[in-house]
Amino acid sequence: MIDFENAAYAKLGPINPADLQAEIAPLLVEGEQIHLAFRGMRDSVVFTNKRFIAINVQGMAGKKRDYTSLPYSKIQSWSIETAGAFDRDAELEMWFSGLGKVRLEFKGKVDIRQIGQLIGSFVL
């Protein structure tokens, strides 16, 4: 489960959603599709048409994984911060009802506005 006291995923870069399809498919419900996927050093996050899924790789070998599923219906608010000239990381913060905040830091050329729009299309 995500530690909401220290819920931060850093340096996420975009990956092809198909790269996580086989791993995530057993978790998806009928009609659920992956829209966006990102990976950090070991951990990954996925945005589907129904929820946000955080994949926390654990252990030395990385065989053990924690999948935390957070439905969009529990998002109370969210914030995006675009990358700047000196601070090249874009950020997304989401506040989940009864749970707390999750902070994602994206590296490189991530269209953070697209992520904000995706969330808005499912929350509003």
N, C-alpha and C. Protein backbone atom coordinates (compact mmCIF):
# COMPACT_ATOMS: atom_id res chain seq x y z
N MET A 1 0.84 -1.18 0.00
CA MET A 1 0.00 0.00 0.00
C MET A 1 0.88 1.24 0.00
N ILE A 2 0.45 2.26 -0.66
CA ILE A 2 1.18 3.51 -0.68
C ILE A 2 1.26 4.08 0.73
N ASP A 3 2.43 4.53 1.10
CA ASP A 3 2.62 5.23 2.37
C ASP A 3 2.23 6.69 2.14
N PHE A 4 1.03 7.07 2.54
CA PHE A 4 0.52 8.40 2.24
C PHE A 4 1.24 9.51 3.00
N GLU A 5 2.03 9.15 4.00
CA GLU A 5 2.84 10.14 4.70
C GLU A 5 4.03 10.56 3.83
N ASN A 6 4.53 9.61 3.03
CA ASN A 6 5.69 9.86 2.17
C ASN A 6 5.41 9.40 0.75
N ALA A 7 4.21 9.64 0.28
CA ALA A 7 3.80 9.12 -1.03
C ALA A 7 4.37 9.96 -2.15
N ALA A 8 5.57 9.64 -2.58
CA ALA A 8 6.19 10.35 -3.68
C ALA A 8 6.85 9.36 -4.62
N TYR A 9 6.56 9.51 -5.88
CA TYR A 9 7.21 8.73 -6.92
C TYR A 9 7.98 9.72 -7.77
N ALA A 10 9.31 9.54 -7.85
CA ALA A 10 10.17 10.54 -8.49
C ALA A 10 10.75 10.04 -9.80
N LYS A 11 11.01 11.00 -10.66
CA LYS A 11 11.71 10.78 -11.92
C LYS A 11 11.01 9.74 -12.80
N LEU A 12 9.71 9.90 -12.95
CA LEU A 12 8.95 9.01 -13.81
C LEU A 12 9.06 9.47 -15.26
N GLY A 13 9.30 8.54 -16.14
CA GLY A 13 9.35 8.84 -17.56
C GLY A 13 8.29 8.04 -18.29
N PRO A 14 7.80 8.56 -19.42
CA PRO A 14 6.75 7.86 -20.14
C PRO A 14 7.25 6.55 -20.74
N ILE A 15 6.37 5.56 -20.73
CA ILE A 15 6.65 4.29 -21.41
C ILE A 15 5.41 3.93 -22.21
N ASN A 16 5.58 3.02 -23.11
CA ASN A 16 4.46 2.52 -23.90
C ASN A 16 3.54 1.73 -22.98
N PRO A 17 2.24 2.07 -22.91
CA PRO A 17 1.33 1.31 -22.05
C PRO A 17 1.34 -0.19 -22.32
N ALA A 18 1.67 -0.58 -23.55
CA ALA A 18 1.73 -2.01 -23.89
C ALA A 18 2.82 -2.73 -23.10
N ASP A 19 3.84 -1.98 -22.64
CA ASP A 19 4.91 -2.58 -21.85
C ASP A 19 4.42 -3.11 -20.51
N LEU A 20 3.32 -2.56 -20.00
CA LEU A 20 2.77 -3.00 -18.72
C LEU A 20 1.47 -3.79 -18.87
N GLN A 21 0.99 -3.94 -20.09
CA GLN A 21 -0.30 -4.58 -20.33
C GLN A 21 -0.36 -5.99 -19.73
N ALA A 22 0.63 -6.83 -19.96
CA ALA A 22 0.60 -8.20 -19.46
C ALA A 22 0.61 -8.24 -17.94
N GLU A 23 1.36 -7.33 -17.31
CA GLU A 23 1.44 -7.30 -15.86
C GLU A 23 0.14 -6.79 -15.22
N ILE A 24 -0.46 -5.80 -15.84
CA ILE A 24 -1.64 -5.15 -15.28
C ILE A 24 -2.95 -5.85 -15.67
N ALA A 25 -2.97 -6.54 -16.78
CA ALA A 25 -4.21 -7.14 -17.30
C ALA A 25 -5.01 -7.93 -16.26
N PRO A 26 -4.37 -8.73 -15.41
CA PRO A 26 -5.16 -9.48 -14.42
C PRO A 26 -5.86 -8.59 -13.38
N LEU A 27 -5.45 -7.33 -13.26
CA LEU A 27 -6.05 -6.41 -12.30
C LEU A 27 -7.21 -5.61 -12.89
N LEU A 28 -7.28 -5.54 -14.20
CA LEU A 28 -8.27 -4.69 -14.85
C LEU A 28 -9.65 -5.33 -14.87
N VAL A 29 -10.67 -4.47 -14.75
CA VAL A 29 -12.05 -4.93 -14.83
C VAL A 29 -12.51 -4.82 -16.28
N GLU A 30 -13.65 -5.42 -16.56
CA GLU A 30 -14.18 -5.40 -17.92
C GLU A 30 -14.34 -3.95 -18.41
N GLY A 31 -13.84 -3.69 -19.59
CA GLY A 31 -13.93 -2.36 -20.18
C GLY A 31 -12.86 -1.39 -19.75
N GLU A 32 -12.00 -1.79 -18.82
CA GLU A 32 -10.94 -0.90 -18.34
C GLU A 32 -9.74 -0.97 -19.28
N GLN A 33 -9.20 0.20 -19.61
CA GLN A 33 -8.08 0.28 -20.53
C GLN A 33 -7.00 1.20 -19.96
N ILE A 34 -5.76 0.88 -20.24
CA ILE A 34 -4.64 1.72 -19.85
C ILE A 34 -4.55 2.90 -20.82
N HIS A 35 -4.48 4.13 -20.27
CA HIS A 35 -4.33 5.32 -21.09
C HIS A 35 -2.90 5.83 -21.11
N LEU A 36 -2.26 5.88 -19.93
CA LEU A 36 -0.90 6.38 -19.82
C LEU A 36 -0.12 5.50 -18.84
N ALA A 37 1.18 5.35 -19.09
CA ALA A 37 2.03 4.57 -18.19
C ALA A 37 3.38 5.27 -18.07
N PHE A 38 3.95 5.19 -16.87
CA PHE A 38 5.23 5.83 -16.58
C PHE A 38 6.05 4.91 -15.68
N ARG A 39 7.38 4.99 -15.81
CA ARG A 39 8.26 4.16 -14.99
C ARG A 39 9.39 5.01 -14.45
N GLY A 40 9.74 4.73 -13.18
CA GLY A 40 10.91 5.34 -12.55
C GLY A 40 12.04 4.33 -12.58
N MET A 41 12.90 4.38 -11.57
CA MET A 41 14.00 3.42 -11.50
C MET A 41 13.47 1.99 -11.40
N ARG A 42 12.52 1.76 -10.50
CA ARG A 42 11.94 0.43 -10.32
C ARG A 42 10.41 0.47 -10.35
N ASP A 43 9.85 1.53 -9.81
CA ASP A 43 8.40 1.62 -9.67
C ASP A 43 7.76 2.15 -10.95
N SER A 44 6.46 1.89 -11.07
CA SER A 44 5.69 2.35 -12.23
C SER A 44 4.35 2.87 -11.76
N VAL A 45 3.72 3.69 -12.60
CA VAL A 45 2.36 4.15 -12.37
C VAL A 45 1.60 4.04 -13.68
N VAL A 46 0.30 3.76 -13.54
CA VAL A 46 -0.56 3.57 -14.69
C VAL A 46 -1.84 4.38 -14.48
N PHE A 47 -2.28 5.05 -15.52
CA PHE A 47 -3.55 5.74 -15.51
C PHE A 47 -4.48 5.00 -16.46
N THR A 48 -5.57 4.45 -15.93
CA THR A 48 -6.55 3.78 -16.77
C THR A 48 -7.75 4.71 -16.93
N ASN A 49 -8.79 4.22 -17.55
CA ASN A 49 -10.01 5.01 -17.68
C ASN A 49 -10.86 4.94 -16.41
N LYS A 50 -10.41 4.21 -15.37
CA LYS A 50 -11.18 4.08 -14.14
C LYS A 50 -10.39 4.45 -12.87
N ARG A 51 -9.05 4.34 -12.94
CA ARG A 51 -8.26 4.52 -11.72
C ARG A 51 -6.80 4.79 -12.02
N PHE A 52 -6.10 5.09 -10.94
CA PHE A 52 -4.65 5.26 -10.93
C PHE A 52 -4.08 4.05 -10.21
N ILE A 53 -3.09 3.39 -10.79
CA ILE A 53 -2.47 2.21 -10.18
C ILE A 53 -0.98 2.50 -9.99
N ALA A 54 -0.51 2.35 -8.76
CA ALA A 54 0.91 2.49 -8.45
C ALA A 54 1.49 1.10 -8.26
N ILE A 55 2.62 0.84 -8.91
CA ILE A 55 3.30 -0.45 -8.81
C ILE A 55 4.61 -0.21 -8.08
N ASN A 56 4.71 -0.74 -6.87
CA ASN A 56 5.89 -0.58 -6.04
C ASN A 56 6.67 -1.89 -6.07
N VAL A 57 7.83 -1.88 -6.70
CA VAL A 57 8.69 -3.06 -6.78
C VAL A 57 9.46 -3.17 -5.48
N GLN A 58 9.42 -4.36 -4.87
CA GLN A 58 10.04 -4.57 -3.57
C GLN A 58 11.07 -5.69 -3.64
N GLY A 59 11.96 -5.69 -2.67
CA GLY A 59 12.96 -6.76 -2.55
C GLY A 59 14.14 -6.55 -3.46
N MET A 60 15.19 -7.27 -3.18
CA MET A 60 16.43 -7.16 -3.95
C MET A 60 16.25 -7.61 -5.39
N ALA A 61 15.53 -8.70 -5.60
CA ALA A 61 15.35 -9.24 -6.94
C ALA A 61 14.22 -8.55 -7.70
N GLY A 62 13.39 -7.83 -6.98
CA GLY A 62 12.28 -7.14 -7.63
C GLY A 62 11.13 -8.03 -8.03
N LYS A 63 11.07 -9.22 -7.46
CA LYS A 63 9.99 -10.16 -7.79
C LYS A 63 8.70 -9.81 -7.05
N LYS A 64 8.84 -9.26 -5.86
CA LYS A 64 7.67 -8.91 -5.05
C LYS A 64 7.19 -7.52 -5.46
N ARG A 65 5.87 -7.40 -5.65
CA ARG A 65 5.30 -6.12 -6.09
C ARG A 65 4.04 -5.80 -5.31
N ASP A 66 3.88 -4.53 -5.01
CA ASP A 66 2.66 -4.04 -4.37
C ASP A 66 1.91 -3.21 -5.41
N TYR A 67 0.64 -3.54 -5.62
CA TYR A 67 -0.22 -2.81 -6.54
C TYR A 67 -1.24 -2.04 -5.72
N THR A 68 -1.19 -0.73 -5.77
CA THR A 68 -2.15 0.10 -5.06
C THR A 68 -3.07 0.72 -6.10
N SER A 69 -4.35 0.47 -5.95
CA SER A 69 -5.36 0.95 -6.88
C SER A 69 -6.16 2.08 -6.22
N LEU A 70 -6.17 3.22 -6.86
CA LEU A 70 -6.88 4.39 -6.34
C LEU A 70 -7.87 4.88 -7.39
N PRO A 71 -9.16 4.66 -7.16
CA PRO A 71 -10.17 5.06 -8.15
C PRO A 71 -10.28 6.58 -8.25
N TYR A 72 -10.53 7.06 -9.45
CA TYR A 72 -10.68 8.49 -9.67
C TYR A 72 -11.82 9.08 -8.83
N SER A 73 -12.81 8.27 -8.51
CA SER A 73 -13.95 8.76 -7.73
C SER A 73 -13.53 9.22 -6.33
N LYS A 74 -12.35 8.83 -5.87
CA LYS A 74 -11.86 9.23 -4.55
C LYS A 74 -10.97 10.46 -4.58
N ILE A 75 -10.69 10.99 -5.78
CA ILE A 75 -9.86 12.19 -5.88
C ILE A 75 -10.69 13.40 -5.49
N GLN A 76 -10.23 14.13 -4.47
CA GLN A 76 -10.90 15.35 -4.04
C GLN A 76 -10.38 16.56 -4.81
N SER A 77 -9.09 16.56 -5.07
CA SER A 77 -8.49 17.65 -5.83
C SER A 77 -7.15 17.17 -6.38
N TRP A 78 -6.63 17.93 -7.34
CA TRP A 78 -5.32 17.61 -7.90
C TRP A 78 -4.67 18.89 -8.38
N SER A 79 -3.36 18.83 -8.50
CA SER A 79 -2.58 19.99 -8.90
C SER A 79 -1.49 19.54 -9.85
N ILE A 80 -1.27 20.31 -10.91
CA ILE A 80 -0.15 20.03 -11.80
C ILE A 80 0.80 21.22 -11.79
N GLU A 81 2.08 20.92 -11.96
CA GLU A 81 3.10 21.96 -12.05
C GLU A 81 3.96 21.64 -13.26
N THR A 82 4.03 22.56 -14.20
CA THR A 82 4.79 22.33 -15.41
C THR A 82 6.29 22.47 -15.13
N ALA A 83 7.10 21.91 -16.03
CA ALA A 83 8.55 22.03 -15.92
C ALA A 83 8.96 23.45 -16.30
N GLY A 84 10.08 23.89 -15.76
CA GLY A 84 10.60 25.22 -16.07
C GLY A 84 11.96 25.13 -16.73
N ALA A 85 12.59 26.28 -16.88
CA ALA A 85 13.90 26.33 -17.52
C ALA A 85 14.97 25.65 -16.67
N PHE A 86 14.90 25.88 -15.35
CA PHE A 86 15.92 25.31 -14.47
C PHE A 86 15.41 24.07 -13.75
N ASP A 87 14.13 24.06 -13.42
CA ASP A 87 13.51 22.89 -12.80
C ASP A 87 12.80 22.12 -13.91
N ARG A 88 13.44 21.11 -14.42
CA ARG A 88 12.94 20.40 -15.59
C ARG A 88 11.91 19.32 -15.28
N ASP A 89 11.58 19.16 -14.01
CA ASP A 89 10.61 18.14 -13.62
C ASP A 89 9.21 18.74 -13.53
N ALA A 90 8.25 18.01 -14.06
CA ALA A 90 6.84 18.39 -13.90
C ALA A 90 6.30 17.57 -12.74
N GLU A 91 5.27 18.09 -12.07
CA GLU A 91 4.75 17.41 -10.89
C GLU A 91 3.23 17.32 -10.93
N LEU A 92 2.72 16.26 -10.34
CA LEU A 92 1.29 16.04 -10.17
C LEU A 92 1.06 15.67 -8.72
N GLU A 93 0.12 16.34 -8.07
CA GLU A 93 -0.30 15.97 -6.72
C GLU A 93 -1.79 15.66 -6.77
N MET A 94 -2.17 14.56 -6.14
CA MET A 94 -3.57 14.15 -6.07
C MET A 94 -3.92 13.91 -4.61
N TRP A 95 -5.05 14.46 -4.16
CA TRP A 95 -5.52 14.27 -2.80
C TRP A 95 -6.70 13.31 -2.84
N PHE A 96 -6.57 12.19 -2.14
CA PHE A 96 -7.59 11.15 -2.12
C PHE A 96 -8.38 11.19 -0.82
N SER A 97 -9.69 11.18 -0.97
CA SER A 97 -10.61 11.23 0.17
C SER A 97 -10.29 10.14 1.18
N GLY A 98 -10.06 10.55 2.43
CA GLY A 98 -9.82 9.61 3.51
C GLY A 98 -8.45 8.97 3.53
N LEU A 99 -7.60 9.28 2.55
CA LEU A 99 -6.29 8.63 2.47
C LEU A 99 -5.13 9.60 2.58
N GLY A 100 -5.16 10.63 1.77
CA GLY A 100 -4.06 11.58 1.77
C GLY A 100 -3.61 11.93 0.37
N LYS A 101 -2.37 12.40 0.28
CA LYS A 101 -1.82 12.94 -0.96
C LYS A 101 -0.81 11.98 -1.58
N VAL A 102 -0.84 11.92 -2.91
CA VAL A 102 0.17 11.21 -3.68
C VAL A 102 0.84 12.23 -4.58
N ARG A 103 2.16 12.23 -4.59
CA ARG A 103 2.93 13.18 -5.40
C ARG A 103 3.76 12.42 -6.42
N LEU A 104 3.62 12.82 -7.68
CA LEU A 104 4.37 12.20 -8.77
C LEU A 104 5.25 13.26 -9.41
N GLU A 105 6.52 12.90 -9.64
CA GLU A 105 7.48 13.79 -10.27
C GLU A 105 7.88 13.18 -11.60
N PHE A 106 7.67 13.93 -12.68
CA PHE A 106 7.94 13.42 -14.03
C PHE A 106 9.17 14.09 -14.60
N LYS A 107 10.00 13.32 -15.25
CA LYS A 107 11.22 13.86 -15.87
C LYS A 107 11.01 13.99 -17.37
N GLY A 108 11.86 14.78 -17.97
CA GLY A 108 11.87 14.86 -19.42
C GLY A 108 10.66 15.53 -20.02
N LYS A 109 10.30 15.07 -21.19
CA LYS A 109 9.24 15.71 -21.96
C LYS A 109 7.89 15.04 -21.71
N VAL A 110 7.38 15.20 -20.52
CA VAL A 110 6.07 14.68 -20.17
C VAL A 110 5.07 15.83 -20.27
N ASP A 111 3.97 15.59 -20.98
CA ASP A 111 2.93 16.61 -21.11
C ASP A 111 2.03 16.53 -19.88
N ILE A 112 2.40 17.28 -18.84
CA ILE A 112 1.67 17.23 -17.56
C ILE A 112 0.24 17.74 -17.73
N ARG A 113 0.04 18.64 -18.68
CA ARG A 113 -1.32 19.13 -18.93
C ARG A 113 -2.22 18.00 -19.44
N GLN A 114 -1.67 17.12 -20.24
CA GLN A 114 -2.43 15.97 -20.75
C GLN A 114 -2.86 15.07 -19.59
N ILE A 115 -1.99 14.88 -18.62
CA ILE A 115 -2.32 14.06 -17.45
C ILE A 115 -3.42 14.74 -16.64
N GLY A 116 -3.29 16.05 -16.44
CA GLY A 116 -4.33 16.79 -15.72
C GLY A 116 -5.67 16.73 -16.44
N GLN A 117 -5.64 16.81 -17.76
CA GLN A 117 -6.87 16.72 -18.55
C GLN A 117 -7.48 15.32 -18.45
N LEU A 118 -6.64 14.29 -18.47
CA LEU A 118 -7.13 12.92 -18.34
C LEU A 118 -7.84 12.74 -17.00
N ILE A 119 -7.21 13.19 -15.93
CA ILE A 119 -7.82 13.08 -14.61
C ILE A 119 -9.15 13.85 -14.57
N GLY A 120 -9.13 15.07 -15.09
CA GLY A 120 -10.34 15.88 -15.11
C GLY A 120 -11.47 15.22 -15.88
N SER A 121 -11.15 14.54 -16.96
CA SER A 121 -12.19 13.91 -17.76
C SER A 121 -12.88 12.78 -17.02
N PHE A 122 -12.20 12.18 -16.05
CA PHE A 122 -12.80 11.08 -15.29
C PHE A 122 -13.33 11.50 -13.93
N VAL A 123 -12.85 12.64 -13.41
CA VAL A 123 -13.28 13.09 -12.08
C VAL A 123 -14.46 14.05 -12.15
N LEU A 124 -14.42 14.95 -13.12
CA LEU A 124 -15.46 16.00 -13.19
C LEU A 124 -16.72 15.53 -13.91
